[in-house]
Amino acid sequence: MKELIVADSSPLITLLNIGRFNLLGKLFTHIIVPSMVAEEVGRGETSDSVWFTMQQSGFVRLVILPADQRLSVLLLQIDPGESEAILLADQLKLPLLIDDKAGRKMASLMGLKITGLVGILGALKKQGEITSTEMPEILDALENVEFRLSVDLKRRLLE
């Protein structure tokens, strides 16, 4: 069953950079992003890019973060996009797609359900949405954009 998820910018940018943003549509009905994440991802993208096309189609939904006193505290520790994504996921009671180590730690401390790009790839593989021939190609593409992946995680995704 597909669901909603709030996303931070780094997994979205990585998928855009390797031309695999469409993979998110195989797991989620919509990706929800706060304004800072939309701004971070949209920097340098042309108006006809996949990012803006997905916003226009409604798959990527921009949601303005309602006022939250915790924002100033988070901003002292992590970047604005991560801060807004964490708070929006908490407010909407939705899982969070995030890769940054400090952001993941903060989200975990707040009790959020989190996943990262590796978790997404694993779920897609488990569902048969990524074939055994596609996974090495995806992992090579991730390596080419300097996405760090441990040998153990890479091995597990290839099994």
C-alpha atoms as a PDB file:
ATOM      1  CA  MET A   1       0.000   0.000   0.000  1.00  0.00           C
ATOM      2  CA  LYS A   2       1.371   3.385  -0.995  1.00  0.00           C
ATOM      3  CA  GLU A   3       1.601   6.128   1.583  1.00  0.00           C
ATOM      4  CA  LEU A   4       2.595   9.734   2.118  1.00  0.00           C
ATOM      5  CA  ILE A   5       6.053  10.768   3.290  1.00  0.00           C
ATOM      6  CA  VAL A   6       7.735  14.049   4.214  1.00  0.00           C
ATOM      7  CA  ALA A   7      11.142  14.430   2.581  1.00  0.00           C
ATOM      8  CA  ASP A   8      14.357  16.277   3.239  1.00  0.00           C
ATOM      9  CA  SER A   9      16.284  17.574   0.246  1.00  0.00           C
ATOM     10  CA  SER A  10      19.328  15.288   0.053  1.00  0.00           C
ATOM     11  CA  PRO A  11      17.558  12.043  -0.990  1.00  0.00           C
ATOM     12  CA  LEU A  12      15.471  13.991  -3.504  1.00  0.00           C
ATOM     13  CA  ILE A  13      18.505  15.743  -4.992  1.00  0.00           C
ATOM     14  CA  THR A  14      20.381  12.446  -5.194  1.00  0.00           C
ATOM     15  CA  LEU A  15      17.530  10.738  -7.054  1.00  0.00           C
ATOM     16  CA  LEU A  16      17.206  13.703  -9.416  1.00  0.00           C
ATOM     17  CA  ASN A  17      20.966  13.621 -10.062  1.00  0.00           C
ATOM     18  CA  ILE A  18      20.899   9.955 -11.065  1.00  0.00           C
ATOM     19  CA  GLY A  19      17.691  10.256 -13.094  1.00  0.00           C
ATOM     20  CA  ARG A  20      15.683   7.971 -10.792  1.00  0.00           C
ATOM     21  CA  PHE A  21      13.240  10.351  -9.096  1.00  0.00           C
ATOM     22  CA  ASN A  22      10.402   8.267 -10.547  1.00  0.00           C
ATOM     23  CA  LEU A  23      11.261   5.443  -8.113  1.00  0.00           C
ATOM     24  CA  LEU A  24       9.514   7.385  -5.335  1.00  0.00           C
ATOM     25  CA  GLY A  25       6.202   7.061  -7.168  1.00  0.00           C
ATOM     26  CA  LYS A  26       6.416   3.285  -6.815  1.00  0.00           C
ATOM     27  CA  LEU A  27       6.227   3.574  -3.004  1.00  0.00           C
ATOM     28  CA  PHE A  28       4.408   6.822  -2.264  1.00  0.00           C
ATOM     29  CA  THR A  29       1.226   8.519  -3.387  1.00  0.00           C
ATOM     30  CA  HIS A  30       2.770  11.931  -2.654  1.00  0.00           C
ATOM     31  CA  ILE A  31       6.004  13.434  -1.380  1.00  0.00           C
ATOM     32  CA  ILE A  32       5.435  16.328   1.006  1.00  0.00           C
ATOM     33  CA  VAL A  33       8.135  18.963   1.346  1.00  0.00           C
ATOM     34  CA  PRO A  34       8.377  22.131   3.431  1.00  0.00           C
ATOM     35  CA  SER A  35       9.335  25.391   1.713  1.00  0.00           C
ATOM     36  CA  MET A  36      13.040  25.245   2.610  1.00  0.00           C
ATOM     37  CA  VAL A  37      13.370  21.770   1.117  1.00  0.00           C
ATOM     38  CA  ALA A  38      11.545  22.878  -2.053  1.00  0.00           C
ATOM     39  CA  GLU A  39      13.922  25.828  -2.300  1.00  0.00           C
ATOM     40  CA  GLU A  40      17.035  23.671  -1.757  1.00  0.00           C
ATOM     41  CA  VAL A  41      15.987  21.060  -4.313  1.00  0.00           C
ATOM     42  CA  GLY A  42      14.829  23.639  -6.849  1.00  0.00           C
ATOM     43  CA  ARG A  43      18.110  25.593  -6.874  1.00  0.00           C
ATOM     44  CA  GLY A  44      19.688  25.210 -10.279  1.00  0.00           C
ATOM     45  CA  GLU A  45      16.747  23.260 -11.720  1.00  0.00           C
ATOM     46  CA  THR A  46      15.145  24.565 -14.898  1.00  0.00           C
ATOM     47  CA  SER A  47      11.402  25.179 -15.051  1.00  0.00           C
ATOM     48  CA  ASP A  48      10.943  22.078 -17.238  1.00  0.00           C
ATOM     49  CA  SER A  49      12.956  19.786 -14.940  1.00  0.00           C
ATOM     50  CA  VAL A  50      11.589  16.613 -13.365  1.00  0.00           C
ATOM     51  CA  TRP A  51      11.460  18.421 -10.006  1.00  0.00           C
ATOM     52  CA  PHE A  52       9.104  21.153 -11.196  1.00  0.00           C
ATOM     53  CA  THR A  53       7.135  18.737 -13.382  1.00  0.00           C
ATOM     54  CA  MET A  54       6.496  16.567 -10.310  1.00  0.00           C
ATOM     55  CA  GLN A  55       5.372  19.619  -8.349  1.00  0.00           C
ATOM     56  CA  GLN A  56       2.996  20.641 -11.136  1.00  0.00           C
ATOM     57  CA  SER A  57       1.572  17.119 -11.327  1.00  0.00           C
ATOM     58  CA  GLY A  58       0.839  17.192  -7.594  1.00  0.00           C
ATOM     59  CA  PHE A  59       3.125  14.250  -6.775  1.00  0.00           C
ATOM     60  CA  VAL A  60       5.443  16.618  -4.877  1.00  0.00           C
ATOM     61  CA  ARG A  61       3.399  18.806  -2.569  1.00  0.00           C
ATOM     62  CA  LEU A  62       4.760  21.927  -0.953  1.00  0.00           C
ATOM     63  CA  VAL A  63       3.388  22.473   2.557  1.00  0.00           C
ATOM     64  CA  ILE A  64       4.235  25.587   4.534  1.00  0.00           C
ATOM     65  CA  LEU A  65       5.436  24.673   8.008  1.00  0.00           C
ATOM     66  CA  PRO A  66       3.005  26.069  10.580  1.00  0.00           C
ATOM     67  CA  ALA A  67       4.656  28.142  13.326  1.00  0.00           C
ATOM     68  CA  ASP A  68       6.606  25.879  15.650  1.00  0.00           C
ATOM     69  CA  GLN A  69       8.602  27.066  18.658  1.00  0.00           C
ATOM     70  CA  ARG A  70      11.012  24.143  18.240  1.00  0.00           C
ATOM     71  CA  LEU A  71      12.329  25.484  14.922  1.00  0.00           C
ATOM     72  CA  SER A  72      14.823  27.891  16.490  1.00  0.00           C
ATOM     73  CA  VAL A  73      16.285  25.082  18.616  1.00  0.00           C
ATOM     74  CA  LEU A  74      16.648  22.746  15.648  1.00  0.00           C
ATOM     75  CA  LEU A  75      18.260  25.464  13.536  1.00  0.00           C
ATOM     76  CA  LEU A  76      21.089  25.641  16.065  1.00  0.00           C
ATOM     77  CA  GLN A  77      21.944  22.017  15.317  1.00  0.00           C
ATOM     78  CA  ILE A  78      20.939  21.157  11.734  1.00  0.00           C
ATOM     79  CA  ASP A  79      20.244  22.959   8.474  1.00  0.00           C
ATOM     80  CA  PRO A  80      16.957  24.765   7.699  1.00  0.00           C
ATOM     81  CA  GLY A  81      15.592  22.173   5.265  1.00  0.00           C
ATOM     82  CA  GLU A  82      16.175  19.299   7.660  1.00  0.00           C
ATOM     83  CA  SER A  83      14.724  21.305  10.542  1.00  0.00           C
ATOM     84  CA  GLU A  84      11.537  22.092   8.640  1.00  0.00           C
ATOM     85  CA  ALA A  85      11.193  18.540   7.292  1.00  0.00           C
ATOM     86  CA  ILE A  86      11.545  17.032  10.767  1.00  0.00           C
ATOM     87  CA  LEU A  87       8.994  19.381  12.289  1.00  0.00           C
ATOM     88  CA  LEU A  88       6.552  18.947   9.404  1.00  0.00           C
ATOM     89  CA  ALA A  89       6.779  15.151   9.663  1.00  0.00           C
ATOM     90  CA  ASP A  90       6.146  15.441  13.396  1.00  0.00           C
ATOM     91  CA  GLN A  91       3.194  17.799  12.959  1.00  0.00           C
ATOM     92  CA  LEU A  92       1.610  15.687  10.206  1.00  0.00           C
ATOM     93  CA  LYS A  93       2.436  12.388  11.956  1.00  0.00           C
ATOM     94  CA  LEU A  94       4.079  11.059   8.790  1.00  0.00           C
ATOM     95  CA  PRO A  95       7.317   9.163   8.174  1.00  0.00           C
ATOM     96  CA  LEU A  96      10.394  11.124   7.138  1.00  0.00           C
ATOM     97  CA  LEU A  97      12.799  10.503   4.246  1.00  0.00           C
ATOM     98  CA  ILE A  98      16.188  11.817   5.364  1.00  0.00           C
ATOM     99  CA  ASP A  99      19.829  10.789   4.909  1.00  0.00           C
ATOM    100  CA  ASP A 100      21.815  13.325   6.928  1.00  0.00           C
ATOM    101  CA  LYS A 101      23.270  11.696  10.051  1.00  0.00           C
ATOM    102  CA  ALA A 102      22.606  14.614  12.427  1.00  0.00           C
ATOM    103  CA  GLY A 103      19.090  15.077  11.068  1.00  0.00           C
ATOM    104  CA  ARG A 104      18.328  11.359  11.402  1.00  0.00           C
ATOM    105  CA  LYS A 105      19.532  11.400  14.992  1.00  0.00           C
ATOM    106  CA  MET A 106      17.336  14.398  15.809  1.00  0.00           C
ATOM    107  CA  ALA A 107      14.307  12.830  14.117  1.00  0.00           C
ATOM    108  CA  SER A 108      14.871   9.578  16.005  1.00  0.00           C
ATOM    109  CA  LEU A 109      15.085  11.434  19.307  1.00  0.00           C
ATOM    110  CA  MET A 110      11.710  12.978  18.481  1.00  0.00           C
ATOM    111  CA  GLY A 111      10.244   9.520  17.867  1.00  0.00           C
ATOM    112  CA  LEU A 112       9.730   9.894  14.137  1.00  0.00           C
ATOM    113  CA  LYS A 113       9.622   6.952  11.770  1.00  0.00           C
ATOM    114  CA  ILE A 114      12.538   7.546   9.412  1.00  0.00           C
ATOM    115  CA  THR A 115      13.960   6.005   6.288  1.00  0.00           C
ATOM    116  CA  GLY A 116      16.742   6.960   3.941  1.00  0.00           C
ATOM    117  CA  LEU A 117      17.569   6.404   0.329  1.00  0.00           C
ATOM    118  CA  VAL A 118      19.009   2.966   1.100  1.00  0.00           C
ATOM    119  CA  GLY A 119      15.766   2.010   2.862  1.00  0.00           C
ATOM    120  CA  ILE A 120      13.798   3.156  -0.173  1.00  0.00           C
ATOM    121  CA  LEU A 121      15.976   1.073  -2.500  1.00  0.00           C
ATOM    122  CA  GLY A 122      15.629  -1.947  -0.222  1.00  0.00           C
ATOM    123  CA  ALA A 123      11.840  -1.617  -0.101  1.00  0.00           C
ATOM    124  CA  LEU A 124      11.648  -1.276  -3.885  1.00  0.00           C
ATOM    125  CA  LYS A 125      13.826  -4.355  -4.327  1.00  0.00           C
ATOM    126  CA  LYS A 126      11.676  -6.332  -1.880  1.00  0.00           C
ATOM    127  CA  GLN A 127       8.537  -5.348  -3.819  1.00  0.00           C
ATOM    128  CA  GLY A 128      10.141  -6.328  -7.115  1.00  0.00           C
ATOM    129  CA  GLU A 129      10.147  -2.750  -8.385  1.00  0.00           C
ATOM    130  CA  ILE A 130      13.934  -2.819  -8.817  1.00  0.00           C
ATOM    131  CA  THR A 131      15.339  -5.864 -10.590  1.00  0.00           C
ATOM    132  CA  SER A 132      18.631  -7.586  -9.853  1.00  0.00           C
ATOM    133  CA  THR A 133      20.019  -6.102 -13.071  1.00  0.00           C
ATOM    134  CA  GLU A 134      18.857  -2.561 -12.227  1.00  0.00           C
ATOM    135  CA  MET A 135      20.277  -2.447  -8.683  1.00  0.00           C
ATOM    136  CA  PRO A 136      23.981  -2.507  -9.700  1.00  0.00           C
ATOM    137  CA  GLU A 137      23.269   0.275 -12.207  1.00  0.00           C
ATOM    138  CA  ILE A 138      21.574   2.364  -9.511  1.00  0.00           C
ATOM    139  CA  LEU A 139      24.408   1.757  -7.043  1.00  0.00           C
ATOM    140  CA  ASP A 140      27.006   2.718  -9.669  1.00  0.00           C
ATOM    141  CA  ALA A 141      25.062   5.903 -10.417  1.00  0.00           C
ATOM    142  CA  LEU A 142      24.950   6.707  -6.691  1.00  0.00           C
ATOM    143  CA  GLU A 143      28.691   6.187  -6.448  1.00  0.00           C
ATOM    144  CA  ASN A 144      29.190   8.543  -9.413  1.00  0.00           C
ATOM    145  CA  VAL A 145      27.364  11.338  -7.559  1.00  0.00           C
ATOM    146  CA  GLU A 146      29.446  10.605  -4.441  1.00  0.00           C
ATOM    147  CA  PHE A 147      26.628   9.100  -2.401  1.00  0.00           C
ATOM    148  CA  ARG A 148      28.420   7.262   0.402  1.00  0.00           C
ATOM    149  CA  LEU A 149      27.311   3.705   0.926  1.00  0.00           C
ATOM    150  CA  SER A 150      28.994   1.182   3.224  1.00  0.00           C
ATOM    151  CA  VAL A 151      30.261  -2.072   1.757  1.00  0.00           C
ATOM    152  CA  ASP A 152      27.783  -3.965   3.955  1.00  0.00           C
ATOM    153  CA  LEU A 153      24.763  -1.945   2.801  1.00  0.00           C
ATOM    154  CA  LYS A 154      25.828  -2.255  -0.814  1.00  0.00           C
ATOM    155  CA  ARG A 155      26.219  -6.036  -0.419  1.00  0.00           C
ATOM    156  CA  ARG A 156      22.758  -6.336   1.153  1.00  0.00           C
ATOM    157  CA  LEU A 157      21.134  -4.369  -1.661  1.00  0.00           C
ATOM    158  CA  LEU A 158      22.824  -6.603  -4.223  1.00  0.00           C
ATOM    159  CA  GLU A 159      21.834  -9.924  -2.552  1.00  0.00           C
END
